[in-house]
Amino acid sequence: MEAIRPVPRTLLRDRAYAAIRDAIVAGELEPGAVVRDADLAERLGLSRAPVREAFSRLVDEGLLESKPQSYTRVTPLVAADVRDAAAVVGALHELVTRTAVPRLTEADLAVMRAANERFAAAVRAGDVDAALRADDDLHEVLVQASGNRAAAATVARYTPLIRRLERRRFGEGGNCRSAGLHERLIDACAAGDTAEAVRVTAEIWRGLEELAD
């Protein structure tokens, strides 16, 4: 039966990575919390090996810190780290926007508009998680349209550091980014105005750097 075959090890590793990363970003695993591969493996229904591999990746990305033979724990929220990540991710979003705008299709613009509608609705409802997912969906259109795989990989690596603080600040009653900025971005993209789209993108990510302050 060809439909039933072993699940590739890499998929198990990626599944463990995504689940643990999301728990850290959402605050389910709080800063300073000690994590154990055996405990998380049981919760995820996995063996310890893919969880250990996920730990290694998360240490490399700054969401976990580890002392050999001692502990692995969730890193504290450090404003300087978030500012640095936001500066890098923002610069890359400007880069991909510059490349993507001339390539966008009507279907791409429709996806961006729908994502912004979900974003605005989530902000009104106070649903931070849904707002951040919609925000990611909107900007991902530009990342994918640019075709820049190096930028996409770097954005994916550092965005969780930013989302972690963003979610906490919004959960404490802070303001979510304005859907109006997204509207300006979409309008510039629809008009083929690359310079304006890049300016709005810079404004969006500058606000995230300020959030860290």
N, C-alpha and C. Protein backbone atom coordinates (compact mmCIF):
# COMPACT_ATOMS: atom_id res chain seq x y z
N MET A 1 0.85 -1.20 0.00
CA MET A 1 0.00 0.00 0.00
C MET A 1 0.88 1.24 0.00
N GLU A 2 0.99 1.87 -1.15
CA GLU A 2 1.91 3.00 -1.28
C GLU A 2 1.44 4.22 -0.50
N ALA A 3 0.15 4.31 -0.20
CA ALA A 3 -0.35 5.49 0.51
C ALA A 3 0.08 5.50 1.97
N ILE A 4 0.44 4.34 2.49
CA ILE A 4 0.87 4.26 3.88
C ILE A 4 2.37 4.04 3.91
N ARG A 5 3.08 5.04 4.33
CA ARG A 5 4.54 4.99 4.35
C ARG A 5 5.04 5.77 5.56
N PRO A 6 6.24 5.51 5.99
CA PRO A 6 6.77 6.21 7.16
C PRO A 6 6.76 7.73 6.96
N VAL A 7 6.43 8.46 8.03
CA VAL A 7 6.49 9.92 7.98
C VAL A 7 7.95 10.33 8.02
N PRO A 8 8.41 11.15 7.08
CA PRO A 8 9.82 11.56 7.07
C PRO A 8 10.21 12.22 8.38
N ARG A 9 11.41 11.92 8.83
CA ARG A 9 11.92 12.47 10.09
C ARG A 9 11.89 13.99 10.08
N THR A 10 12.21 14.58 8.92
CA THR A 10 12.25 16.04 8.85
C THR A 10 10.88 16.64 9.14
N LEU A 11 9.79 15.93 8.76
CA LEU A 11 8.47 16.46 9.02
C LEU A 11 8.17 16.46 10.52
N LEU A 12 8.62 15.42 11.21
CA LEU A 12 8.43 15.37 12.65
C LEU A 12 9.21 16.50 13.33
N ARG A 13 10.42 16.73 12.88
CA ARG A 13 11.23 17.81 13.43
C ARG A 13 10.55 19.16 13.20
N ASP A 14 10.03 19.36 11.99
CA ASP A 14 9.38 20.62 11.67
C ASP A 14 8.09 20.79 12.47
N ARG A 15 7.38 19.69 12.67
CA ARG A 15 6.15 19.75 13.47
C ARG A 15 6.47 20.14 14.91
N ALA A 16 7.50 19.54 15.47
CA ALA A 16 7.90 19.89 16.84
C ALA A 16 8.35 21.34 16.91
N TYR A 17 9.14 21.77 15.95
CA TYR A 17 9.63 23.14 15.92
C TYR A 17 8.48 24.14 15.89
N ALA A 18 7.53 23.93 14.98
CA ALA A 18 6.43 24.88 14.83
C ALA A 18 5.57 24.94 16.09
N ALA A 19 5.32 23.78 16.70
CA ALA A 19 4.47 23.75 17.89
C ALA A 19 5.14 24.46 19.07
N ILE A 20 6.43 24.22 19.26
CA ILE A 20 7.13 24.84 20.39
C ILE A 20 7.32 26.33 20.14
N ARG A 21 7.68 26.69 18.91
CA ARG A 21 7.82 28.12 18.57
C ARG A 21 6.52 28.85 18.82
N ASP A 22 5.40 28.30 18.37
CA ASP A 22 4.11 28.98 18.54
C ASP A 22 3.74 29.11 20.02
N ALA A 23 4.08 28.09 20.81
CA ALA A 23 3.79 28.15 22.25
C ALA A 23 4.61 29.25 22.93
N ILE A 24 5.84 29.44 22.47
CA ILE A 24 6.67 30.50 23.03
C ILE A 24 6.12 31.87 22.63
N VAL A 25 5.80 32.03 21.35
CA VAL A 25 5.28 33.32 20.87
C VAL A 25 3.97 33.67 21.56
N ALA A 26 3.11 32.66 21.77
CA ALA A 26 1.81 32.90 22.39
C ALA A 26 1.90 33.11 23.89
N GLY A 27 3.06 32.82 24.48
CA GLY A 27 3.22 32.99 25.92
C GLY A 27 2.81 31.78 26.72
N GLU A 28 2.43 30.71 26.03
CA GLU A 28 2.11 29.47 26.75
C GLU A 28 3.35 28.95 27.47
N LEU A 29 4.49 29.10 26.80
CA LEU A 29 5.78 28.84 27.44
C LEU A 29 6.39 30.21 27.73
N GLU A 30 6.40 30.61 28.98
CA GLU A 30 6.76 31.97 29.34
C GLU A 30 8.27 32.15 29.42
N PRO A 31 8.74 33.41 29.33
CA PRO A 31 10.17 33.68 29.47
C PRO A 31 10.72 33.10 30.78
N GLY A 32 11.82 32.40 30.66
CA GLY A 32 12.44 31.78 31.82
C GLY A 32 11.97 30.38 32.11
N ALA A 33 10.90 29.93 31.45
CA ALA A 33 10.38 28.59 31.69
C ALA A 33 11.38 27.54 31.21
N VAL A 34 11.65 26.56 32.06
CA VAL A 34 12.53 25.46 31.68
C VAL A 34 11.72 24.46 30.86
N VAL A 35 12.28 24.03 29.74
CA VAL A 35 11.60 23.06 28.88
C VAL A 35 12.42 21.77 28.85
N ARG A 36 11.72 20.65 28.85
CA ARG A 36 12.37 19.34 28.84
C ARG A 36 11.89 18.55 27.65
N ASP A 37 12.83 17.95 26.93
CA ASP A 37 12.46 17.25 25.72
C ASP A 37 11.47 16.12 25.99
N ALA A 38 11.64 15.40 27.08
CA ALA A 38 10.75 14.28 27.39
C ALA A 38 9.32 14.76 27.61
N ASP A 39 9.16 15.87 28.36
CA ASP A 39 7.83 16.40 28.64
C ASP A 39 7.13 16.86 27.36
N LEU A 40 7.86 17.63 26.55
CA LEU A 40 7.24 18.15 25.33
C LEU A 40 7.00 17.05 24.31
N ALA A 41 7.89 16.06 24.27
CA ALA A 41 7.68 14.94 23.36
C ALA A 41 6.38 14.22 23.70
N GLU A 42 6.13 14.04 24.99
CA GLU A 42 4.89 13.37 25.40
C GLU A 42 3.67 14.20 25.03
N ARG A 43 3.76 15.50 25.26
CA ARG A 43 2.62 16.38 24.94
C ARG A 43 2.35 16.42 23.45
N LEU A 44 3.41 16.34 22.64
CA LEU A 44 3.27 16.42 21.19
C LEU A 44 3.01 15.07 20.55
N GLY A 45 3.14 14.01 21.32
CA GLY A 45 2.97 12.68 20.75
C GLY A 45 4.10 12.28 19.84
N LEU A 46 5.31 12.73 20.16
CA LEU A 46 6.49 12.46 19.34
C LEU A 46 7.56 11.79 20.19
N SER A 47 8.59 11.28 19.54
CA SER A 47 9.75 10.81 20.27
C SER A 47 10.59 12.02 20.67
N ARG A 48 11.61 11.78 21.48
CA ARG A 48 12.44 12.88 21.95
C ARG A 48 13.36 13.43 20.87
N ALA A 49 13.72 12.60 19.88
CA ALA A 49 14.70 13.03 18.88
C ALA A 49 14.26 14.28 18.10
N PRO A 50 13.04 14.30 17.52
CA PRO A 50 12.65 15.52 16.78
C PRO A 50 12.49 16.74 17.69
N VAL A 51 12.14 16.52 18.96
CA VAL A 51 12.03 17.64 19.90
C VAL A 51 13.40 18.22 20.18
N ARG A 52 14.39 17.35 20.34
CA ARG A 52 15.76 17.84 20.55
C ARG A 52 16.24 18.64 19.34
N GLU A 53 15.92 18.16 18.16
CA GLU A 53 16.31 18.89 16.95
C GLU A 53 15.62 20.25 16.89
N ALA A 54 14.35 20.29 17.30
CA ALA A 54 13.62 21.56 17.34
C ALA A 54 14.26 22.49 18.36
N PHE A 55 14.65 21.96 19.52
CA PHE A 55 15.33 22.77 20.53
C PHE A 55 16.57 23.44 19.94
N SER A 56 17.35 22.66 19.21
CA SER A 56 18.59 23.19 18.64
C SER A 56 18.30 24.36 17.70
N ARG A 57 17.27 24.21 16.89
CA ARG A 57 16.91 25.28 15.95
C ARG A 57 16.40 26.51 16.70
N LEU A 58 15.62 26.31 17.73
CA LEU A 58 15.07 27.42 18.49
C LEU A 58 16.14 28.15 19.30
N VAL A 59 17.16 27.43 19.75
CA VAL A 59 18.31 28.07 20.40
C VAL A 59 19.02 28.96 19.39
N ASP A 60 19.22 28.45 18.20
CA ASP A 60 19.90 29.21 17.15
C ASP A 60 19.11 30.47 16.79
N GLU A 61 17.79 30.41 16.91
CA GLU A 61 16.95 31.55 16.53
C GLU A 61 16.66 32.49 17.69
N GLY A 62 17.17 32.16 18.87
CA GLY A 62 17.06 33.08 20.00
C GLY A 62 15.81 32.96 20.84
N LEU A 63 15.00 31.92 20.62
CA LEU A 63 13.80 31.74 21.43
C LEU A 63 14.05 30.84 22.63
N LEU A 64 15.08 30.02 22.55
CA LEU A 64 15.50 29.20 23.69
C LEU A 64 16.97 29.46 23.96
N GLU A 65 17.39 29.20 25.20
CA GLU A 65 18.80 29.24 25.55
C GLU A 65 19.12 27.96 26.30
N SER A 66 20.33 27.47 26.12
CA SER A 66 20.66 26.17 26.69
C SER A 66 22.05 26.18 27.31
N LYS A 67 22.16 25.51 28.45
CA LYS A 67 23.45 25.27 29.09
C LYS A 67 23.63 23.76 29.14
N PRO A 68 24.62 23.24 28.42
CA PRO A 68 24.79 21.78 28.34
C PRO A 68 24.80 21.12 29.70
N GLN A 69 24.09 20.00 29.78
CA GLN A 69 24.01 19.20 31.01
C GLN A 69 23.34 19.94 32.16
N SER A 70 22.68 21.06 31.86
CA SER A 70 22.06 21.82 32.94
C SER A 70 20.59 22.14 32.64
N TYR A 71 20.33 22.98 31.63
CA TYR A 71 18.95 23.36 31.37
C TYR A 71 18.80 23.84 29.93
N THR A 72 17.54 23.84 29.48
CA THR A 72 17.11 24.55 28.28
C THR A 72 15.88 25.34 28.70
N ARG A 73 15.88 26.64 28.43
CA ARG A 73 14.76 27.45 28.88
C ARG A 73 14.42 28.53 27.87
N VAL A 74 13.23 29.06 28.01
CA VAL A 74 12.76 30.13 27.13
C VAL A 74 13.54 31.41 27.46
N THR A 75 14.01 32.07 26.44
CA THR A 75 14.79 33.29 26.65
C THR A 75 13.90 34.42 27.16
N PRO A 76 14.48 35.34 27.91
CA PRO A 76 13.72 36.51 28.34
C PRO A 76 13.45 37.43 27.15
N LEU A 77 12.46 38.29 27.31
CA LEU A 77 12.20 39.30 26.28
C LEU A 77 13.20 40.44 26.46
N VAL A 78 14.02 40.67 25.45
CA VAL A 78 15.05 41.70 25.50
C VAL A 78 14.75 42.72 24.40
N ALA A 79 14.49 43.95 24.81
CA ALA A 79 14.08 44.98 23.85
C ALA A 79 15.10 45.17 22.74
N ALA A 80 16.38 45.15 23.09
CA ALA A 80 17.41 45.36 22.07
C ALA A 80 17.37 44.28 21.01
N ASP A 81 17.12 43.04 21.41
CA ASP A 81 17.03 41.95 20.45
C ASP A 81 15.85 42.14 19.51
N VAL A 82 14.73 42.60 20.07
CA VAL A 82 13.54 42.82 19.24
C VAL A 82 13.78 43.98 18.27
N ARG A 83 14.41 45.05 18.76
CA ARG A 83 14.72 46.18 17.86
C ARG A 83 15.61 45.73 16.72
N ASP A 84 16.63 44.94 17.04
CA ASP A 84 17.54 44.46 15.99
C ASP A 84 16.79 43.61 14.98
N ALA A 85 15.94 42.71 15.48
CA ALA A 85 15.19 41.84 14.59
C ALA A 85 14.24 42.66 13.71
N ALA A 86 13.56 43.64 14.32
CA ALA A 86 12.62 44.47 13.57
C ALA A 86 13.34 45.28 12.49
N ALA A 87 14.54 45.75 12.80
CA ALA A 87 15.31 46.51 11.80
C ALA A 87 15.67 45.64 10.61
N VAL A 88 16.10 44.41 10.90
CA VAL A 88 16.48 43.50 9.81
C VAL A 88 15.25 43.08 9.00
N VAL A 89 14.20 42.66 9.70
CA VAL A 89 13.00 42.20 9.01
C VAL A 89 12.37 43.36 8.22
N GLY A 90 12.36 44.56 8.81
CA GLY A 90 11.81 45.70 8.10
C GLY A 90 12.56 46.02 6.83
N ALA A 91 13.89 45.98 6.90
CA ALA A 91 14.70 46.25 5.71
C ALA A 91 14.43 45.22 4.62
N LEU A 92 14.25 43.97 5.02
CA LEU A 92 13.97 42.93 4.03
C LEU A 92 12.58 43.09 3.44
N HIS A 93 11.61 43.53 4.26
CA HIS A 93 10.27 43.78 3.71
C HIS A 93 10.30 44.93 2.71
N GLU A 94 11.10 45.95 2.97
CA GLU A 94 11.26 47.02 1.98
C GLU A 94 11.85 46.47 0.69
N LEU A 95 12.84 45.60 0.83
CA LEU A 95 13.48 45.00 -0.34
C LEU A 95 12.48 44.18 -1.16
N VAL A 96 11.72 43.31 -0.49
CA VAL A 96 10.80 42.46 -1.25
C VAL A 96 9.65 43.27 -1.83
N THR A 97 9.24 44.33 -1.12
CA THR A 97 8.17 45.18 -1.66
C THR A 97 8.62 45.85 -2.95
N ARG A 98 9.84 46.33 -2.95
CA ARG A 98 10.38 46.99 -4.15
C ARG A 98 10.37 46.04 -5.34
N THR A 99 10.68 44.79 -5.10
CA THR A 99 10.71 43.80 -6.18
C THR A 99 9.31 43.31 -6.54
N ALA A 100 8.45 43.18 -5.52
CA ALA A 100 7.16 42.52 -5.73
C ALA A 100 6.13 43.39 -6.43
N VAL A 101 6.11 44.68 -6.14
CA VAL A 101 5.01 45.52 -6.63
C VAL A 101 4.77 45.38 -8.14
N PRO A 102 5.80 45.43 -8.98
CA PRO A 102 5.54 45.29 -10.43
C PRO A 102 5.04 43.90 -10.83
N ARG A 103 5.17 42.93 -9.94
CA ARG A 103 4.80 41.55 -10.26
C ARG A 103 3.42 41.16 -9.75
N LEU A 104 2.82 42.00 -8.92
CA LEU A 104 1.56 41.62 -8.29
C LEU A 104 0.42 41.49 -9.30
N THR A 105 -0.40 40.47 -9.08
CA THR A 105 -1.58 40.25 -9.93
C THR A 105 -2.83 40.73 -9.17
N GLU A 106 -3.94 40.76 -9.88
CA GLU A 106 -5.20 41.10 -9.23
C GLU A 106 -5.53 40.10 -8.13
N ALA A 107 -5.18 38.85 -8.37
CA ALA A 107 -5.43 37.82 -7.36
C ALA A 107 -4.60 38.09 -6.11
N ASP A 108 -3.36 38.52 -6.29
CA ASP A 108 -2.51 38.87 -5.14
C ASP A 108 -3.12 40.01 -4.34
N LEU A 109 -3.58 41.03 -5.05
CA LEU A 109 -4.17 42.19 -4.38
C LEU A 109 -5.44 41.80 -3.63
N ALA A 110 -6.21 40.87 -4.22
CA ALA A 110 -7.43 40.40 -3.55
C ALA A 110 -7.09 39.68 -2.25
N VAL A 111 -6.02 38.89 -2.27
CA VAL A 111 -5.59 38.20 -1.05
C VAL A 111 -5.18 39.21 0.01
N MET A 112 -4.46 40.25 -0.40
CA MET A 112 -4.03 41.28 0.55
C MET A 112 -5.23 42.01 1.14
N ARG A 113 -6.20 42.35 0.32
CA ARG A 113 -7.39 43.04 0.82
C ARG A 113 -8.17 42.16 1.80
N ALA A 114 -8.32 40.89 1.45
CA ALA A 114 -9.04 39.98 2.34
C ALA A 114 -8.31 39.82 3.67
N ALA A 115 -6.98 39.76 3.61
CA ALA A 115 -6.19 39.65 4.84
C ALA A 115 -6.36 40.89 5.70
N ASN A 116 -6.41 42.06 5.06
CA ASN A 116 -6.57 43.29 5.85
C ASN A 116 -7.96 43.39 6.46
N GLU A 117 -8.96 42.86 5.77
CA GLU A 117 -10.30 42.83 6.35
C GLU A 117 -10.32 41.94 7.60
N ARG A 118 -9.64 40.79 7.52
CA ARG A 118 -9.55 39.91 8.69
C ARG A 118 -8.76 40.58 9.81
N PHE A 119 -7.71 41.30 9.42
CA PHE A 119 -6.89 42.01 10.40
C PHE A 119 -7.73 43.03 11.16
N ALA A 120 -8.47 43.86 10.41
CA ALA A 120 -9.27 44.91 11.03
C ALA A 120 -10.34 44.32 11.94
N ALA A 121 -10.96 43.24 11.48
CA ALA A 121 -12.01 42.60 12.28
C ALA A 121 -11.42 42.01 13.57
N ALA A 122 -10.24 41.42 13.46
CA ALA A 122 -9.60 40.83 14.64
C ALA A 122 -9.20 41.90 15.64
N VAL A 123 -8.71 43.05 15.15
CA VAL A 123 -8.34 44.14 16.04
C VAL A 123 -9.58 44.64 16.78
N ARG A 124 -10.68 44.81 16.05
CA ARG A 124 -11.92 45.27 16.70
C ARG A 124 -12.38 44.29 17.76
N ALA A 125 -12.18 43.00 17.50
CA ALA A 125 -12.62 41.96 18.44
C ALA A 125 -11.62 41.72 19.56
N GLY A 126 -10.45 42.37 19.46
CA GLY A 126 -9.42 42.15 20.47
C GLY A 126 -8.74 40.80 20.36
N ASP A 127 -8.82 40.19 19.18
CA ASP A 127 -8.23 38.87 18.95
C ASP A 127 -6.81 39.06 18.39
N VAL A 128 -5.84 39.12 19.29
CA VAL A 128 -4.47 39.42 18.90
C VAL A 128 -3.91 38.35 17.98
N ASP A 129 -4.15 37.09 18.32
CA ASP A 129 -3.60 35.99 17.51
C ASP A 129 -4.11 36.07 16.07
N ALA A 130 -5.42 36.28 15.91
CA ALA A 130 -5.99 36.37 14.56
C ALA A 130 -5.45 37.58 13.82
N ALA A 131 -5.25 38.69 14.54
CA ALA A 131 -4.71 39.89 13.90
C ALA A 131 -3.31 39.64 13.38
N LEU A 132 -2.48 38.99 14.17
CA LEU A 132 -1.11 38.74 13.75
C LEU A 132 -1.05 37.74 12.60
N ARG A 133 -1.94 36.74 12.61
CA ARG A 133 -1.99 35.80 11.49
C ARG A 133 -2.37 36.51 10.20
N ALA A 134 -3.37 37.38 10.30
CA ALA A 134 -3.80 38.12 9.11
C ALA A 134 -2.71 39.05 8.62
N ASP A 135 -2.00 39.68 9.55
CA ASP A 135 -0.89 40.55 9.19
C ASP A 135 0.20 39.77 8.45
N ASP A 136 0.51 38.60 8.97
CA ASP A 136 1.50 37.75 8.30
C ASP A 136 1.03 37.38 6.89
N ASP A 137 -0.26 37.03 6.76
CA ASP A 137 -0.79 36.63 5.45
C ASP A 137 -0.68 37.77 4.44
N LEU A 138 -0.95 38.99 4.90
CA LEU A 138 -0.89 40.14 3.99
C LEU A 138 0.53 40.36 3.48
N HIS A 139 1.48 40.40 4.39
CA HIS A 139 2.86 40.69 3.97
C HIS A 139 3.50 39.51 3.24
N GLU A 140 3.00 38.31 3.52
CA GLU A 140 3.55 37.14 2.85
C GLU A 140 3.30 37.18 1.35
N VAL A 141 2.23 37.85 0.92
CA VAL A 141 1.96 37.99 -0.50
C VAL A 141 3.13 38.68 -1.19
N LEU A 142 3.63 39.74 -0.58
CA LEU A 142 4.75 40.48 -1.16
C LEU A 142 6.04 39.67 -1.11
N VAL A 143 6.24 38.96 -0.01
CA VAL A 143 7.44 38.13 0.11
C VAL A 143 7.46 37.08 -0.99
N GLN A 144 6.34 36.41 -1.20
CA GLN A 144 6.29 35.35 -2.21
C GLN A 144 6.39 35.92 -3.62
N ALA A 145 5.73 37.06 -3.86
CA ALA A 145 5.78 37.65 -5.19
C ALA A 145 7.17 38.11 -5.56
N SER A 146 7.97 38.45 -4.56
CA SER A 146 9.34 38.90 -4.85
C SER A 146 10.22 37.77 -5.37
N GLY A 147 9.91 36.54 -4.95
CA GLY A 147 10.73 35.40 -5.36
C GLY A 147 12.08 35.33 -4.68
N ASN A 148 12.28 36.15 -3.65
CA ASN A 148 13.57 36.19 -2.96
C ASN A 148 13.56 35.18 -1.81
N ARG A 149 14.12 34.01 -2.05
CA ARG A 149 14.07 32.95 -1.05
C ARG A 149 14.95 33.26 0.17
N ALA A 150 16.06 33.94 -0.05
CA ALA A 150 16.92 34.31 1.08
C ALA A 150 16.20 35.26 2.02
N ALA A 151 15.50 36.24 1.44
CA ALA A 151 14.73 37.18 2.26
C ALA A 151 13.61 36.46 2.99
N ALA A 152 12.92 35.56 2.29
CA ALA A 152 11.82 34.82 2.90
C ALA A 152 12.29 34.01 4.09
N ALA A 153 13.44 33.35 3.95
CA ALA A 153 13.97 32.53 5.03
C ALA A 153 14.36 33.38 6.23
N THR A 154 14.97 34.53 5.98
CA THR A 154 15.40 35.40 7.08
C THR A 154 14.21 36.02 7.79
N VAL A 155 13.20 36.43 7.03
CA VAL A 155 11.98 36.96 7.63
C VAL A 155 11.31 35.91 8.51
N ALA A 156 11.22 34.68 8.01
CA ALA A 156 10.60 33.61 8.78
C ALA A 156 11.38 33.32 10.06
N ARG A 157 12.70 33.47 9.99
CA ARG A 157 13.52 33.18 11.17
C ARG A 157 13.35 34.22 12.27
N TYR A 158 13.29 35.49 11.92
CA TYR A 158 13.31 36.54 12.93
C TYR A 158 11.95 37.11 13.31
N THR A 159 10.93 36.87 12.50
CA THR A 159 9.61 37.40 12.82
C THR A 159 9.07 36.90 14.16
N PRO A 160 9.27 35.61 14.54
CA PRO A 160 8.75 35.17 15.84
C PRO A 160 9.28 35.98 17.02
N LEU A 161 10.52 36.45 16.96
CA LEU A 161 11.05 37.29 18.03
C LEU A 161 10.22 38.56 18.18
N ILE A 162 9.81 39.11 17.04
CA ILE A 162 9.03 40.35 17.05
C ILE A 162 7.60 40.08 17.51
N ARG A 163 7.02 39.01 16.97
CA ARG A 163 5.63 38.68 17.30
C ARG A 163 5.47 38.42 18.80
N ARG A 164 6.48 37.86 19.40
CA ARG A 164 6.43 37.54 20.82
C ARG A 164 6.19 38.80 21.66
N LEU A 165 6.94 39.85 21.37
CA LEU A 165 6.75 41.10 22.10
C LEU A 165 5.46 41.79 21.68
N GLU A 166 5.19 41.75 20.38
CA GLU A 166 3.98 42.38 19.86
C GLU A 166 2.74 41.82 20.56
N ARG A 167 2.69 40.51 20.65
CA ARG A 167 1.53 39.86 21.25
C ARG A 167 1.40 40.26 22.72
N ARG A 168 2.52 40.29 23.43
CA ARG A 168 2.46 40.65 24.85
C ARG A 168 2.00 42.10 25.02
N ARG A 169 2.55 43.01 24.21
CA ARG A 169 2.16 44.42 24.34
C ARG A 169 0.67 44.61 24.04
N PHE A 170 0.19 43.94 23.00
CA PHE A 170 -1.22 44.08 22.66
C PHE A 170 -2.10 43.46 23.75
N GLY A 171 -1.61 42.34 24.31
CA GLY A 171 -2.35 41.70 25.38
C GLY A 171 -2.43 42.55 26.63
N GLU A 172 -1.47 43.48 26.78
CA GLU A 172 -1.46 44.38 27.93
C GLU A 172 -2.27 45.65 27.66
N GLY A 173 -2.92 45.68 26.49
CA GLY A 173 -3.77 46.82 26.18
C GLY A 173 -3.16 47.81 25.21
N GLY A 174 -2.02 47.44 24.61
CA GLY A 174 -1.41 48.32 23.62
C GLY A 174 -2.20 48.34 22.33
N ASN A 175 -1.85 49.24 21.46
CA ASN A 175 -2.57 49.38 20.20
C ASN A 175 -1.96 48.51 19.11
N CYS A 176 -2.84 47.84 18.37
CA CYS A 176 -2.37 47.04 17.23
C CYS A 176 -2.13 47.98 16.05
N ARG A 177 -1.29 47.53 15.16
CA ARG A 177 -0.99 48.37 14.01
C ARG A 177 -2.27 48.70 13.24
N SER A 178 -2.29 49.86 12.64
CA SER A 178 -3.48 50.35 11.98
C SER A 178 -3.75 49.63 10.67
N ALA A 179 -5.02 49.23 10.48
CA ALA A 179 -5.43 48.69 9.19
C ALA A 179 -5.31 49.76 8.11
N GLY A 180 -5.34 51.04 8.54
CA GLY A 180 -5.19 52.13 7.58
C GLY A 180 -3.84 52.11 6.89
N LEU A 181 -2.78 51.75 7.61
CA LEU A 181 -1.47 51.64 6.98
C LEU A 181 -1.48 50.54 5.94
N HIS A 182 -2.15 49.44 6.25
CA HIS A 182 -2.26 48.36 5.27
C HIS A 182 -3.02 48.83 4.03
N GLU A 183 -4.09 49.61 4.25
CA GLU A 183 -4.85 50.12 3.12
C GLU A 183 -3.99 50.99 2.22
N ARG A 184 -3.18 51.83 2.84
CA ARG A 184 -2.26 52.67 2.05
C ARG A 184 -1.28 51.80 1.26
N LEU A 185 -0.79 50.76 1.90
CA LEU A 185 0.14 49.87 1.21
C LEU A 185 -0.53 49.19 0.03
N ILE A 186 -1.73 48.68 0.25
CA ILE A 186 -2.44 47.98 -0.83
C ILE A 186 -2.77 48.94 -1.97
N ASP A 187 -3.20 50.15 -1.62
CA ASP A 187 -3.51 51.14 -2.66
C ASP A 187 -2.27 51.46 -3.50
N ALA A 188 -1.13 51.60 -2.84
CA ALA A 188 0.11 51.88 -3.58
C ALA A 188 0.47 50.71 -4.48
N CYS A 189 0.30 49.50 -3.97
CA CYS A 189 0.59 48.31 -4.78
C CYS A 189 -0.34 48.25 -5.99
N ALA A 190 -1.63 48.52 -5.76
CA ALA A 190 -2.61 48.47 -6.86
C ALA A 190 -2.30 49.51 -7.93
N ALA A 191 -1.77 50.65 -7.49
CA ALA A 191 -1.43 51.73 -8.43
C ALA A 191 -0.07 51.51 -9.09
N GLY A 192 0.64 50.49 -8.65
CA GLY A 192 1.98 50.27 -9.19
C GLY A 192 2.99 51.29 -8.71
N ASP A 193 2.69 51.94 -7.60
CA ASP A 193 3.57 52.99 -7.06
C ASP A 193 4.56 52.35 -6.08
N THR A 194 5.65 51.87 -6.63
CA THR A 194 6.62 51.15 -5.82
C THR A 194 7.21 52.01 -4.72
N ALA A 195 7.55 53.24 -5.05
CA ALA A 195 8.17 54.12 -4.06
C ALA A 195 7.27 54.34 -2.86
N GLU A 196 5.98 54.58 -3.11
CA GLU A 196 5.04 54.78 -2.01
C GLU A 196 4.86 53.50 -1.20
N ALA A 197 4.79 52.37 -1.87
CA ALA A 197 4.64 51.09 -1.17
C ALA A 197 5.82 50.84 -0.25
N VAL A 198 7.00 51.19 -0.72
CA VAL A 198 8.19 51.01 0.12
C VAL A 198 8.16 51.98 1.30
N ARG A 199 7.71 53.20 1.07
CA ARG A 199 7.62 54.19 2.16
C ARG A 199 6.66 53.72 3.25
N VAL A 200 5.51 53.20 2.84
CA VAL A 200 4.53 52.72 3.82
C VAL A 200 5.07 51.50 4.56
N THR A 201 5.73 50.63 3.84
CA THR A 201 6.33 49.46 4.48
C THR A 201 7.33 49.89 5.54
N ALA A 202 8.16 50.87 5.21
CA ALA A 202 9.14 51.37 6.18
C ALA A 202 8.43 51.95 7.41
N GLU A 203 7.31 52.64 7.21
CA GLU A 203 6.57 53.21 8.32
C GLU A 203 6.00 52.11 9.23
N ILE A 204 5.50 51.05 8.62
CA ILE A 204 4.94 49.94 9.39
C ILE A 204 6.01 49.33 10.30
N TRP A 205 7.17 49.05 9.72
CA TRP A 205 8.21 48.36 10.50
C TRP A 205 8.95 49.28 11.44
N ARG A 206 8.97 50.57 11.13
CA ARG A 206 9.54 51.54 12.08
C ARG A 206 8.70 51.56 13.35
N GLY A 207 7.40 51.41 13.20
CA GLY A 207 6.54 51.36 14.36
C GLY A 207 6.82 50.17 15.25
N LEU A 208 7.25 49.06 14.65
CA LEU A 208 7.59 47.89 15.45
C LEU A 208 8.89 48.09 16.20
N GLU A 209 9.84 48.77 15.59
CA GLU A 209 11.08 49.09 16.32
C GLU A 209 10.74 49.96 17.53
N GLU A 210 9.83 50.91 17.34
CA GLU A 210 9.44 51.79 18.45
C GLU A 210 8.70 51.02 19.52
N LEU A 211 7.98 49.98 19.13
CA LEU A 211 7.26 49.16 20.10
C LEU A 211 8.21 48.55 21.11
N ALA A 212 9.40 48.19 20.65
CA ALA A 212 10.39 47.58 21.54
C ALA A 212 10.88 48.58 22.58
N ASP A 213 10.76 49.86 22.29
CA ASP A 213 11.22 50.89 23.24
C ASP A 213 10.22 51.11 24.37
